Amino acid sequence: MAKFDQRGQQVTNQVNAETIGSVNFESIQNKEELIAELRKLLSEVNKSIQAGVIKEKDSIDIESHLKKALLEMNESAPKKAKIFEHLEGAKVLLESIASATGLVTALTQVIKIAGEFFR
């Protein structure tokens, strides 16, 4: 795992990977479990919004991308390109928020696992 020198930074609220305890990507065995964990991640995003880590103007697009990815995953014939478009879109927006590194890490795991289940 990469280490970052954060001396001198002034961050009021931050979400680290360790604090996203309800999300567990280690044991995912199928699409349904991936969808369940992505829903938990969306819940963590909502908590970050309420805590002020994610600003409201960014939250609209992030939530939209994650919800659209979930909707596509639940389709009878899900389109991989659309799933990844939305997951990557949410990731890019989260990457621009320095205090959301834990969410970015978790979403990166979702993208990797989704590649195994959606072909």
N, C-alpha and C. Protein backbone atom coordinates (compact mmCIF):
# COMPACT_ATOMS: atom_id res chain seq x y z
N MET A 1 0.84 -1.17 0.00
CA MET A 1 0.00 0.00 0.00
C MET A 1 0.89 1.24 0.00
N ALA A 2 0.51 2.24 -0.74
CA ALA A 2 1.29 3.47 -0.84
C ALA A 2 1.17 4.28 0.44
N LYS A 3 2.25 4.95 0.78
CA LYS A 3 2.27 5.85 1.93
C LYS A 3 2.40 7.27 1.41
N PHE A 4 1.70 8.20 2.01
CA PHE A 4 1.73 9.58 1.57
C PHE A 4 2.18 10.47 2.72
N ASP A 5 3.01 11.44 2.40
CA ASP A 5 3.44 12.42 3.38
C ASP A 5 2.35 13.48 3.46
N GLN A 6 1.62 13.49 4.57
CA GLN A 6 0.49 14.39 4.71
C GLN A 6 0.79 15.55 5.66
N ARG A 7 2.06 15.76 5.97
CA ARG A 7 2.42 16.88 6.84
C ARG A 7 2.00 18.19 6.20
N GLY A 8 1.47 19.07 7.02
CA GLY A 8 1.09 20.38 6.53
C GLY A 8 -0.32 20.44 5.95
N GLN A 9 -0.95 19.30 5.72
CA GLN A 9 -2.31 19.30 5.20
C GLN A 9 -3.28 19.64 6.31
N GLN A 10 -4.33 20.36 5.96
CA GLN A 10 -5.37 20.66 6.92
C GLN A 10 -6.67 20.09 6.39
N VAL A 11 -7.05 18.95 6.92
CA VAL A 11 -8.25 18.25 6.50
C VAL A 11 -9.20 18.19 7.68
N THR A 12 -10.43 18.65 7.49
CA THR A 12 -11.39 18.65 8.60
C THR A 12 -11.99 17.27 8.81
N ASN A 13 -12.49 16.65 7.77
CA ASN A 13 -13.07 15.31 7.85
C ASN A 13 -12.40 14.45 6.80
N GLN A 14 -12.18 13.19 7.13
CA GLN A 14 -11.53 12.30 6.20
C GLN A 14 -12.10 10.91 6.34
N VAL A 15 -12.21 10.19 5.21
CA VAL A 15 -12.68 8.82 5.23
C VAL A 15 -11.52 7.95 4.80
N ASN A 16 -11.01 7.15 5.71
CA ASN A 16 -9.92 6.23 5.40
C ASN A 16 -10.48 4.85 5.15
N ALA A 17 -9.73 4.03 4.44
CA ALA A 17 -10.18 2.68 4.12
C ALA A 17 -10.53 1.90 5.37
N GLU A 18 -9.80 2.13 6.45
CA GLU A 18 -10.05 1.39 7.68
C GLU A 18 -11.40 1.70 8.28
N THR A 19 -11.96 2.88 7.99
CA THR A 19 -13.23 3.27 8.58
C THR A 19 -14.43 2.75 7.81
N ILE A 20 -14.19 2.16 6.68
CA ILE A 20 -15.29 1.61 5.89
C ILE A 20 -15.46 0.15 6.28
N GLY A 21 -15.83 -0.05 7.53
CA GLY A 21 -15.90 -1.38 8.10
C GLY A 21 -17.04 -2.24 7.61
N SER A 22 -18.13 -1.63 7.18
CA SER A 22 -19.28 -2.43 6.78
C SER A 22 -19.11 -3.02 5.38
N VAL A 23 -18.13 -2.55 4.64
CA VAL A 23 -17.90 -3.03 3.27
C VAL A 23 -16.79 -4.06 3.30
N ASN A 24 -17.06 -5.24 2.71
CA ASN A 24 -16.07 -6.31 2.71
C ASN A 24 -15.99 -6.93 1.31
N PHE A 25 -14.92 -6.61 0.62
CA PHE A 25 -14.76 -7.12 -0.74
C PHE A 25 -13.97 -8.42 -0.79
N GLU A 26 -13.41 -8.83 0.33
CA GLU A 26 -12.57 -10.02 0.38
C GLU A 26 -13.33 -11.31 0.08
N SER A 27 -14.59 -11.37 0.48
CA SER A 27 -15.32 -12.63 0.39
C SER A 27 -16.32 -12.70 -0.76
N ILE A 28 -16.27 -11.77 -1.68
CA ILE A 28 -17.24 -11.75 -2.78
C ILE A 28 -17.03 -12.95 -3.70
N GLN A 29 -18.10 -13.70 -3.90
CA GLN A 29 -18.04 -14.90 -4.73
C GLN A 29 -18.90 -14.82 -6.00
N ASN A 30 -19.82 -13.83 -6.06
CA ASN A 30 -20.71 -13.76 -7.22
C ASN A 30 -21.23 -12.33 -7.40
N LYS A 31 -22.00 -12.14 -8.47
CA LYS A 31 -22.51 -10.81 -8.80
C LYS A 31 -23.41 -10.25 -7.70
N GLU A 32 -24.23 -11.12 -7.12
CA GLU A 32 -25.17 -10.67 -6.09
C GLU A 32 -24.42 -10.12 -4.88
N GLU A 33 -23.35 -10.78 -4.48
CA GLU A 33 -22.55 -10.30 -3.35
C GLU A 33 -21.85 -8.98 -3.69
N LEU A 34 -21.40 -8.86 -4.94
CA LEU A 34 -20.77 -7.61 -5.39
C LEU A 34 -21.78 -6.47 -5.32
N ILE A 35 -22.99 -6.72 -5.78
CA ILE A 35 -24.04 -5.70 -5.76
C ILE A 35 -24.35 -5.30 -4.31
N ALA A 36 -24.42 -6.28 -3.42
CA ALA A 36 -24.70 -5.99 -2.01
C ALA A 36 -23.60 -5.12 -1.40
N GLU A 37 -22.35 -5.42 -1.72
CA GLU A 37 -21.24 -4.62 -1.17
C GLU A 37 -21.18 -3.23 -1.80
N LEU A 38 -21.56 -3.12 -3.07
CA LEU A 38 -21.60 -1.80 -3.70
C LEU A 38 -22.70 -0.95 -3.06
N ARG A 39 -23.80 -1.57 -2.67
CA ARG A 39 -24.85 -0.84 -1.95
C ARG A 39 -24.33 -0.33 -0.61
N LYS A 40 -23.53 -1.16 0.06
CA LYS A 40 -22.93 -0.73 1.33
C LYS A 40 -21.98 0.44 1.09
N LEU A 41 -21.22 0.37 -0.01
CA LEU A 41 -20.31 1.46 -0.34
C LEU A 41 -21.09 2.75 -0.61
N LEU A 42 -22.22 2.63 -1.29
CA LEU A 42 -23.08 3.80 -1.53
C LEU A 42 -23.55 4.38 -0.19
N SER A 43 -23.86 3.52 0.74
CA SER A 43 -24.24 3.98 2.08
C SER A 43 -23.10 4.75 2.74
N GLU A 44 -21.87 4.26 2.57
CA GLU A 44 -20.70 4.95 3.13
C GLU A 44 -20.50 6.30 2.46
N VAL A 45 -20.77 6.37 1.15
CA VAL A 45 -20.69 7.65 0.44
C VAL A 45 -21.72 8.61 1.04
N ASN A 46 -22.93 8.12 1.30
CA ASN A 46 -23.96 8.97 1.89
C ASN A 46 -23.55 9.47 3.28
N LYS A 47 -22.90 8.61 4.06
CA LYS A 47 -22.41 9.04 5.37
C LYS A 47 -21.35 10.14 5.21
N SER A 48 -20.50 10.00 4.20
CA SER A 48 -19.47 11.00 3.94
C SER A 48 -20.08 12.33 3.51
N ILE A 49 -21.19 12.25 2.79
CA ILE A 49 -21.90 13.47 2.38
C ILE A 49 -22.46 14.16 3.62
N GLN A 50 -23.10 13.38 4.48
CA GLN A 50 -23.69 13.94 5.70
C GLN A 50 -22.63 14.52 6.62
N ALA A 51 -21.43 13.92 6.63
CA ALA A 51 -20.34 14.40 7.48
C ALA A 51 -19.61 15.60 6.88
N GLY A 52 -19.96 15.95 5.65
CA GLY A 52 -19.33 17.09 5.01
C GLY A 52 -18.02 16.78 4.31
N VAL A 53 -17.66 15.50 4.22
CA VAL A 53 -16.44 15.10 3.52
C VAL A 53 -16.62 15.32 2.01
N ILE A 54 -17.82 15.00 1.53
CA ILE A 54 -18.15 15.20 0.11
C ILE A 54 -19.14 16.35 0.03
N LYS A 55 -18.82 17.32 -0.76
CA LYS A 55 -19.69 18.50 -0.91
C LYS A 55 -20.93 18.12 -1.73
N GLU A 56 -22.02 18.83 -1.47
CA GLU A 56 -23.31 18.51 -2.09
C GLU A 56 -23.24 18.53 -3.62
N LYS A 57 -22.52 19.51 -4.19
CA LYS A 57 -22.47 19.59 -5.66
C LYS A 57 -21.77 18.38 -6.26
N ASP A 58 -20.78 17.81 -5.57
CA ASP A 58 -20.12 16.59 -6.04
C ASP A 58 -20.95 15.36 -5.74
N SER A 59 -21.67 15.39 -4.63
CA SER A 59 -22.43 14.22 -4.18
C SER A 59 -23.50 13.80 -5.19
N ILE A 60 -24.09 14.76 -5.85
CA ILE A 60 -25.16 14.46 -6.81
C ILE A 60 -24.63 13.55 -7.92
N ASP A 61 -23.49 13.91 -8.49
CA ASP A 61 -22.93 13.12 -9.58
C ASP A 61 -22.37 11.79 -9.09
N ILE A 62 -21.73 11.78 -7.93
CA ILE A 62 -21.17 10.53 -7.40
C ILE A 62 -22.29 9.54 -7.13
N GLU A 63 -23.32 9.98 -6.43
CA GLU A 63 -24.46 9.10 -6.14
C GLU A 63 -25.11 8.61 -7.43
N SER A 64 -25.27 9.51 -8.37
CA SER A 64 -25.89 9.14 -9.64
C SER A 64 -25.10 8.05 -10.35
N HIS A 65 -23.79 8.21 -10.41
CA HIS A 65 -22.95 7.18 -11.06
C HIS A 65 -23.09 5.83 -10.36
N LEU A 66 -23.03 5.83 -9.04
CA LEU A 66 -23.10 4.57 -8.31
C LEU A 66 -24.48 3.91 -8.45
N LYS A 67 -25.53 4.73 -8.40
CA LYS A 67 -26.88 4.18 -8.55
C LYS A 67 -27.10 3.62 -9.96
N LYS A 68 -26.57 4.32 -10.97
CA LYS A 68 -26.71 3.83 -12.34
C LYS A 68 -25.92 2.55 -12.55
N ALA A 69 -24.75 2.44 -11.91
CA ALA A 69 -23.98 1.19 -12.00
C ALA A 69 -24.76 0.05 -11.37
N LEU A 70 -25.37 0.31 -10.21
CA LEU A 70 -26.19 -0.71 -9.54
C LEU A 70 -27.38 -1.12 -10.40
N LEU A 71 -28.05 -0.15 -10.99
CA LEU A 71 -29.19 -0.46 -11.85
C LEU A 71 -28.76 -1.34 -13.03
N GLU A 72 -27.63 -0.98 -13.65
CA GLU A 72 -27.15 -1.76 -14.80
C GLU A 72 -26.76 -3.17 -14.38
N MET A 73 -26.12 -3.31 -13.22
CA MET A 73 -25.74 -4.64 -12.73
C MET A 73 -26.95 -5.53 -12.50
N ASN A 74 -28.09 -4.93 -12.18
CA ASN A 74 -29.31 -5.70 -11.91
C ASN A 74 -30.12 -6.01 -13.17
N GLU A 75 -29.70 -5.49 -14.31
CA GLU A 75 -30.40 -5.78 -15.57
C GLU A 75 -30.26 -7.26 -15.92
N SER A 76 -31.20 -7.78 -16.67
CA SER A 76 -31.12 -9.19 -17.08
C SER A 76 -29.94 -9.44 -18.01
N ALA A 77 -29.57 -8.43 -18.80
CA ALA A 77 -28.39 -8.52 -19.66
C ALA A 77 -27.56 -7.26 -19.45
N PRO A 78 -26.83 -7.20 -18.33
CA PRO A 78 -26.07 -5.98 -18.02
C PRO A 78 -24.98 -5.69 -19.04
N LYS A 79 -24.80 -4.41 -19.33
CA LYS A 79 -23.77 -3.99 -20.28
C LYS A 79 -22.52 -3.59 -19.49
N LYS A 80 -21.44 -4.34 -19.68
CA LYS A 80 -20.21 -4.11 -18.95
C LYS A 80 -19.71 -2.68 -19.15
N ALA A 81 -19.78 -2.18 -20.37
CA ALA A 81 -19.27 -0.84 -20.67
C ALA A 81 -19.99 0.22 -19.84
N LYS A 82 -21.30 0.08 -19.68
CA LYS A 82 -22.06 1.05 -18.89
C LYS A 82 -21.71 0.94 -17.41
N ILE A 83 -21.55 -0.28 -16.93
CA ILE A 83 -21.18 -0.47 -15.52
C ILE A 83 -19.86 0.24 -15.24
N PHE A 84 -18.88 -0.02 -16.09
CA PHE A 84 -17.56 0.57 -15.87
C PHE A 84 -17.56 2.08 -16.09
N GLU A 85 -18.35 2.55 -17.02
CA GLU A 85 -18.47 3.99 -17.25
C GLU A 85 -18.90 4.69 -15.95
N HIS A 86 -19.89 4.12 -15.29
CA HIS A 86 -20.41 4.74 -14.07
C HIS A 86 -19.48 4.53 -12.88
N LEU A 87 -18.90 3.36 -12.74
CA LEU A 87 -17.96 3.13 -11.63
C LEU A 87 -16.74 4.04 -11.77
N GLU A 88 -16.20 4.12 -12.98
CA GLU A 88 -15.04 4.99 -13.21
C GLU A 88 -15.41 6.46 -13.02
N GLY A 89 -16.62 6.84 -13.44
CA GLY A 89 -17.06 8.22 -13.27
C GLY A 89 -17.11 8.60 -11.79
N ALA A 90 -17.64 7.71 -10.97
CA ALA A 90 -17.68 7.97 -9.52
C ALA A 90 -16.28 8.02 -8.95
N LYS A 91 -15.42 7.13 -9.42
CA LYS A 91 -14.04 7.09 -8.92
C LYS A 91 -13.30 8.38 -9.24
N VAL A 92 -13.43 8.87 -10.45
CA VAL A 92 -12.75 10.11 -10.86
C VAL A 92 -13.21 11.27 -9.98
N LEU A 93 -14.50 11.35 -9.72
CA LEU A 93 -15.01 12.43 -8.88
C LEU A 93 -14.49 12.30 -7.45
N LEU A 94 -14.45 11.08 -6.93
CA LEU A 94 -13.95 10.87 -5.57
C LEU A 94 -12.45 11.15 -5.47
N GLU A 95 -11.71 10.86 -6.54
CA GLU A 95 -10.27 11.11 -6.53
C GLU A 95 -9.94 12.59 -6.38
N SER A 96 -10.85 13.44 -6.79
CA SER A 96 -10.62 14.88 -6.68
C SER A 96 -10.87 15.40 -5.27
N ILE A 97 -11.35 14.52 -4.39
CA ILE A 97 -11.62 14.89 -3.01
C ILE A 97 -10.55 14.25 -2.14
N ALA A 98 -9.59 15.04 -1.70
CA ALA A 98 -8.43 14.52 -0.96
C ALA A 98 -8.82 13.73 0.27
N SER A 99 -9.91 14.08 0.91
CA SER A 99 -10.29 13.42 2.15
C SER A 99 -11.15 12.17 1.94
N ALA A 100 -11.31 11.73 0.70
CA ALA A 100 -12.13 10.55 0.42
C ALA A 100 -11.29 9.37 -0.06
N THR A 101 -10.05 9.28 0.38
CA THR A 101 -9.16 8.23 -0.12
C THR A 101 -9.67 6.82 0.16
N GLY A 102 -10.31 6.63 1.29
CA GLY A 102 -10.85 5.30 1.62
C GLY A 102 -11.93 4.88 0.64
N LEU A 103 -12.76 5.82 0.25
CA LEU A 103 -13.82 5.52 -0.71
C LEU A 103 -13.23 5.20 -2.07
N VAL A 104 -12.18 5.91 -2.46
CA VAL A 104 -11.51 5.65 -3.74
C VAL A 104 -10.92 4.24 -3.72
N THR A 105 -10.26 3.89 -2.64
CA THR A 105 -9.68 2.55 -2.51
C THR A 105 -10.76 1.48 -2.63
N ALA A 106 -11.87 1.68 -1.94
CA ALA A 106 -12.96 0.71 -1.99
C ALA A 106 -13.56 0.62 -3.39
N LEU A 107 -13.74 1.76 -4.04
CA LEU A 107 -14.31 1.74 -5.39
C LEU A 107 -13.36 1.10 -6.38
N THR A 108 -12.07 1.26 -6.19
CA THR A 108 -11.08 0.59 -7.04
C THR A 108 -11.22 -0.92 -6.92
N GLN A 109 -11.49 -1.40 -5.71
CA GLN A 109 -11.71 -2.83 -5.51
C GLN A 109 -12.98 -3.29 -6.23
N VAL A 110 -14.03 -2.50 -6.16
CA VAL A 110 -15.28 -2.83 -6.85
C VAL A 110 -15.03 -2.98 -8.34
N ILE A 111 -14.29 -2.04 -8.91
CA ILE A 111 -14.02 -2.07 -10.36
C ILE A 111 -13.25 -3.33 -10.73
N LYS A 112 -12.27 -3.68 -9.93
CA LYS A 112 -11.48 -4.88 -10.20
C LYS A 112 -12.35 -6.14 -10.14
N ILE A 113 -13.16 -6.24 -9.11
CA ILE A 113 -14.01 -7.42 -8.95
C ILE A 113 -15.08 -7.47 -10.02
N ALA A 114 -15.65 -6.32 -10.37
CA ALA A 114 -16.69 -6.28 -11.41
C ALA A 114 -16.16 -6.82 -12.73
N GLY A 115 -14.87 -6.60 -12.99
CA GLY A 115 -14.26 -7.13 -14.20
C GLY A 115 -14.29 -8.65 -14.26
N GLU A 116 -14.33 -9.29 -13.11
CA GLU A 116 -14.39 -10.75 -13.06
C GLU A 116 -15.80 -11.27 -13.32
N PHE A 117 -16.82 -10.51 -12.91
CA PHE A 117 -18.19 -11.00 -13.00
C PHE A 117 -18.97 -10.49 -14.19
N PHE A 118 -18.59 -9.36 -14.73
CA PHE A 118 -19.30 -8.78 -15.88
C PHE A 118 -18.34 -8.76 -17.07
N ARG A 119 -18.63 -9.60 -18.04
CA ARG A 119 -17.75 -9.73 -19.21
C ARG A 119 -18.46 -9.33 -20.48
